[in-house]
Protein backbone atom coordinates (compact mmCIF):
# COMPACT_ATOMS: atom_id res chain seq x y z
CA MET A 1 -11.32 -16.11 -9.52
CA ASP A 2 -10.59 -17.16 -5.75
CA THR A 3 -8.63 -14.50 -4.64
CA ILE A 4 -8.98 -9.98 -4.68
CA LEU A 5 -6.13 -8.02 -4.18
CA PHE A 6 -6.89 -4.64 -2.49
CA ASP A 7 -4.87 -1.29 -2.64
CA LEU A 8 -5.23 0.46 0.97
CA ASP A 9 -4.94 4.45 0.10
CA GLY A 10 -7.64 5.73 -1.72
CA THR A 11 -9.58 2.39 -2.13
CA LEU A 12 -9.91 0.39 1.35
CA LEU A 13 -8.85 4.32 3.07
CA PRO A 14 -10.19 7.19 0.96
CA LEU A 15 -7.68 9.87 2.07
CA ASP A 16 -6.27 12.97 0.98
CA MET A 17 -2.51 12.05 -0.21
CA ASP A 18 -1.40 15.16 -0.53
CA GLU A 19 -2.64 16.17 3.20
CA PHE A 20 -1.30 13.21 4.64
CA ILE A 21 2.25 13.43 3.03
CA LEU A 22 2.15 16.93 4.34
CA LYS A 23 1.33 15.93 7.76
CA TYR A 24 3.15 12.57 7.63
CA PHE A 25 6.45 14.70 6.83
CA LYS A 26 5.42 17.21 9.47
CA LYS A 27 5.39 14.88 11.95
CA LEU A 28 8.65 12.78 11.12
CA CYS A 29 10.69 16.21 10.84
CA ASN A 30 9.68 17.12 14.61
CA LYS A 31 10.60 13.64 15.39
CA PHE A 32 14.31 13.84 14.23
CA ALA A 33 14.59 17.43 14.90
CA ASP A 34 17.38 17.11 17.19
CA ILE A 35 19.14 15.11 14.53
CA PHE A 36 18.59 16.38 11.20
CA GLU A 37 17.37 19.80 9.72
CA PRO A 38 13.74 19.31 8.66
CA ASP A 39 14.61 19.71 4.57
CA MET A 40 17.57 17.41 4.44
CA LEU A 41 15.93 14.75 6.17
CA GLN A 42 12.55 15.13 4.11
CA GLU A 43 14.69 15.40 0.73
CA ALA A 44 17.13 12.35 1.55
CA ILE A 45 13.57 10.19 2.54
CA TRP A 46 12.13 11.21 -0.80
CA SER A 47 15.69 9.89 -2.33
CA SER A 48 15.78 6.61 -0.76
CA THR A 49 12.57 6.22 -1.53
CA SER A 50 12.53 6.44 -5.25
CA TYR A 51 15.16 4.12 -5.01
CA MET A 52 13.88 1.38 -3.32
CA ILE A 53 10.61 1.82 -5.79
CA SER A 54 13.50 1.67 -8.48
CA ASN A 55 15.30 -1.52 -7.86
CA ILE A 56 14.52 -4.89 -8.50
CA GLU A 57 17.15 -7.04 -7.16
CA LYS A 58 14.90 -9.60 -5.97
CA GLU A 59 17.25 -10.72 -2.97
CA LYS A 60 16.94 -7.67 -1.03
CA THR A 61 13.76 -6.37 0.56
CA ASN A 62 12.09 -3.11 0.20
CA MET A 63 13.65 -2.06 3.77
CA ASP A 64 16.86 -3.19 3.45
CA CYS A 65 17.18 -1.19 -0.23
CA PHE A 66 15.55 2.02 1.98
CA PHE A 67 17.76 2.03 4.37
CA GLU A 68 20.34 1.13 2.62
CA ASP A 69 20.49 4.26 0.57
CA PHE A 70 19.00 6.15 3.47
CA GLN A 71 22.39 5.63 5.27
CA LYS A 72 24.64 6.95 2.95
CA LYS A 73 22.66 9.74 2.37
CA VAL A 74 22.94 10.75 6.45
CA ASP A 75 25.68 8.95 7.41
CA ARG A 76 24.03 7.87 10.61
CA SER A 77 24.88 4.27 12.24
CA LEU A 78 21.02 2.61 11.94
CA ASP A 79 21.48 1.70 15.34
CA GLU A 80 20.91 5.02 16.11
CA LEU A 81 17.96 5.70 13.80
CA PHE A 82 15.39 2.39 13.85
CA PRO A 83 14.41 2.66 17.28
CA ILE A 84 13.77 6.49 17.07
CA PHE A 85 11.88 5.06 13.12
CA ASP A 86 10.39 2.68 15.42
CA GLU A 87 9.12 4.68 18.27
CA PHE A 88 7.44 6.94 15.87
CA TYR A 89 5.19 4.73 13.88
CA GLN A 90 4.08 3.55 17.05
CA LYS A 91 3.29 6.47 18.26
CA ASP A 92 3.33 9.32 16.67
CA PHE A 93 1.96 8.06 13.38
CA VAL A 94 -1.51 7.18 14.73
CA ASP A 95 -2.16 10.93 14.99
CA LEU A 96 -2.52 11.20 11.59
CA GLU A 97 -5.91 9.13 11.76
CA HIS A 98 -7.78 12.36 11.72
CA ILE A 99 -6.82 13.17 7.99
CA VAL A 100 -8.30 9.53 6.33
CA ASN A 101 -12.37 9.49 5.81
CA PRO A 102 -13.45 6.32 6.42
CA ASN A 103 -16.25 4.87 4.26
CA PRO A 104 -18.78 2.09 6.39
CA ILE A 105 -19.00 0.07 3.13
CA VAL A 106 -15.51 -1.11 3.21
CA LYS A 107 -16.48 -2.91 5.98
CA GLU A 108 -19.26 -4.72 4.54
CA ILE A 109 -17.79 -5.78 1.42
CA ILE A 110 -14.67 -7.39 3.18
CA GLN A 111 -17.25 -8.55 5.53
CA MET A 112 -19.00 -10.42 2.78
CA LEU A 113 -16.25 -11.57 0.62
CA LYS A 114 -14.76 -13.69 3.64
CA ASP A 115 -18.50 -15.11 4.29
CA LYS A 116 -18.22 -15.96 0.35
CA GLY A 117 -14.79 -17.77 0.93
CA TYR A 118 -12.54 -15.00 -0.83
CA ASN A 119 -8.95 -14.77 -0.55
CA LEU A 120 -8.16 -11.72 0.38
CA VAL A 121 -5.15 -9.78 0.44
CA ILE A 122 -3.59 -6.29 1.14
CA ALA A 123 -1.46 -4.85 -2.05
CA THR A 124 -0.73 -1.83 -1.12
CA ASN A 125 2.14 0.38 -2.20
CA PRO A 126 5.00 -1.84 0.73
CA LEU A 127 7.15 1.33 0.99
CA PHE A 128 6.59 1.82 4.69
CA PRO A 129 6.51 -0.61 7.80
CA LYS A 130 4.16 -2.91 8.81
CA GLU A 131 3.35 -1.26 12.22
CA ALA A 132 2.37 1.81 9.92
CA ILE A 133 0.12 0.19 6.94
CA TYR A 134 -1.55 -2.55 10.10
CA HIS A 135 -2.61 1.43 11.60
CA ARG A 136 -3.97 2.46 8.06
CA ILE A 137 -6.10 -1.31 7.92
CA GLN A 138 -7.78 -0.15 11.18
CA TRP A 139 -8.50 3.37 10.42
CA ALA A 140 -10.50 1.64 7.64
CA GLY A 141 -11.91 -0.18 9.97
CA LEU A 142 -10.79 -3.46 9.30
CA GLU A 143 -8.38 -6.50 11.03
CA ALA A 144 -5.20 -7.51 9.66
CA SER A 145 -6.77 -10.81 10.49
CA ASP A 146 -9.04 -9.69 7.52
CA PHE A 147 -6.44 -10.75 5.19
CA GLY A 148 -3.74 -13.58 4.10
CA LEU A 149 -1.31 -11.41 3.07
CA ILE A 150 -0.45 -7.18 3.79
CA THR A 151 2.72 -6.03 1.57
CA THR A 152 4.45 -4.27 3.81
CA TYR A 153 8.40 -3.11 3.11
CA GLU A 154 9.36 -6.22 5.72
CA ASN A 155 7.80 -8.91 3.60
CA MET A 156 8.49 -7.65 -0.13
CA HIS A 157 10.80 -7.41 -2.45
CA PHE A 158 9.65 -4.66 -4.44
CA CYS A 159 7.18 -1.82 -5.02
CA LYS A 160 4.39 -0.47 -7.55
CA PRO A 161 4.42 -0.04 -10.50
CA ASN A 162 7.08 -2.89 -11.27
CA ILE A 163 5.47 -5.71 -12.19
CA GLN A 164 7.64 -8.10 -10.25
CA TYR A 165 5.63 -6.56 -7.06
CA TYR A 166 2.41 -8.22 -8.05
CA GLU A 167 4.29 -11.54 -9.58
CA GLU A 168 5.78 -11.72 -6.21
CA ILE A 169 2.36 -12.05 -4.82
CA LEU A 170 1.18 -14.33 -7.05
CA GLU A 171 4.28 -16.21 -5.91
CA LYS A 172 3.55 -15.49 -2.06
CA THR A 173 -0.31 -17.54 -2.16
CA ASN A 174 0.40 -19.97 -4.57
CA ARG A 175 -2.15 -18.52 -7.27
CA THR A 176 -2.27 -17.97 -10.98
CA SER A 177 -2.57 -14.77 -12.59
CA ASP A 178 -6.27 -16.12 -13.71
CA LYS A 179 -7.75 -16.79 -9.99
CA VAL A 180 -7.23 -13.12 -8.96
CA MET A 181 -8.38 -9.29 -9.27
CA MET A 182 -6.71 -6.24 -8.40
CA VAL A 183 -9.24 -3.39 -7.23
CA GLY A 184 -7.58 0.15 -6.82
CA ASN A 185 -7.85 3.33 -7.43
CA ASP A 186 -4.49 4.53 -9.29
CA VAL A 187 -4.46 3.90 -13.06
CA GLN A 188 -0.96 3.16 -13.05
CA GLU A 189 0.40 1.32 -10.43
CA ASP A 190 -2.83 -0.43 -10.15
CA MET A 191 -4.01 -1.22 -13.49
CA VAL A 192 -0.73 -2.32 -14.38
CA SER A 193 -0.92 -5.80 -12.83
CA SER A 194 -3.63 -6.23 -16.40
CA LEU A 195 -0.18 -7.16 -17.67
CA ILE A 196 0.57 -10.59 -16.21
CA GLY A 197 -3.60 -11.36 -16.62
CA ILE A 198 -4.94 -10.21 -13.30
CA LYS A 199 -8.71 -8.73 -13.41
CA THR A 200 -8.41 -5.41 -12.69
CA PHE A 201 -11.63 -2.90 -11.19
CA LEU A 202 -10.42 0.22 -11.26
CA VAL A 203 -12.61 2.03 -7.82
CA GLU A 204 -12.90 5.77 -8.97
CA ASP A 205 -13.79 7.44 -5.66
CA CYS A 206 -10.22 9.03 -5.37
CA LEU A 207 -9.18 8.12 -8.39
CA ILE A 208 -5.50 8.88 -9.66
CA ASP A 209 -4.40 8.97 -12.90
CA ARG A 210 -1.32 10.71 -14.61
CA GLU A 211 -2.76 9.97 -18.17
CA ALA A 212 0.38 7.65 -19.59
CA PRO A 213 1.07 4.49 -19.55
CA SER A 214 -2.62 3.39 -19.67
CA TYR A 215 -3.44 -0.05 -18.86
CA LYS A 216 -6.31 -2.41 -19.55
CA VAL A 217 -9.36 -2.05 -17.00
CA ASP A 218 -12.13 -4.54 -16.85
CA TYR A 219 -14.51 -2.99 -14.34
CA LYS A 220 -14.66 0.60 -12.81
CA GLY A 221 -16.81 2.77 -10.88
CA SER A 222 -17.24 3.91 -6.95
CA MET A 223 -16.78 1.98 -4.31
CA GLN A 224 -20.76 1.37 -3.99
CA ASP A 225 -20.34 -0.01 -7.83
CA PHE A 226 -18.00 -2.27 -6.59
CA TYR A 227 -20.19 -3.25 -3.33
CA ASP A 228 -22.91 -4.46 -5.63
CA PHE A 229 -20.19 -6.48 -7.80
CA VAL A 230 -19.32 -8.55 -4.92
CA LYS A 231 -23.13 -8.96 -4.36
CA LYS A 232 -23.04 -10.84 -7.04
CA LEU A 233 -19.70 -12.82 -7.02
CA PRO A 234 -20.58 -17.10 -6.24
CA ARG A 235 -19.77 -18.58 -3.17
CA LEU A 236 -16.71 -20.47 -3.49
């Protein structure tokens, strides 16, 4: 094993996802208040996000899928929408940082793995643009430069829990599954990677488990347990 994939929200970045989504939509609806009714905007975003998640057309990025569907629902030009979304993620989104509760041990884990020579990937569900994901990496006390690949909706063509998402990461990193471990807190979205032979570590601090389907878990425990696991890994 020489490559470790990390989920972000609830794994490297502890947070209450329900609170985050609630406040995220409130800020986003405020940003678009002159154009859309809040309920209409929220419904359109949820629906287009579902469309993006279900898409398995490898020719389209997740961003392409989202806006292809979203534009049909809101009947507005992308030339009008893009600048507002861009400004939101560059300026307004950062106000959500107060919701998170970063764990100092995360920075130690990443530094230890870098010192030992491991390749690191942010394998967050690529539902958001680069700006939003890079902000959250910083909220966790980390830097984008710590990672060889960060999955965003601009550079990925599949979402979790589609197994094609993990296959695309293997392709982008030029790795085979036996060289890779996935570390995450979501049983269905993260542990599904085991289906193609990726080793898994389930972080239980902010556990998400919808009970079905269930997948193979090679290791599990708290982030402190993962820290102890990393200490025992060999240098490469």
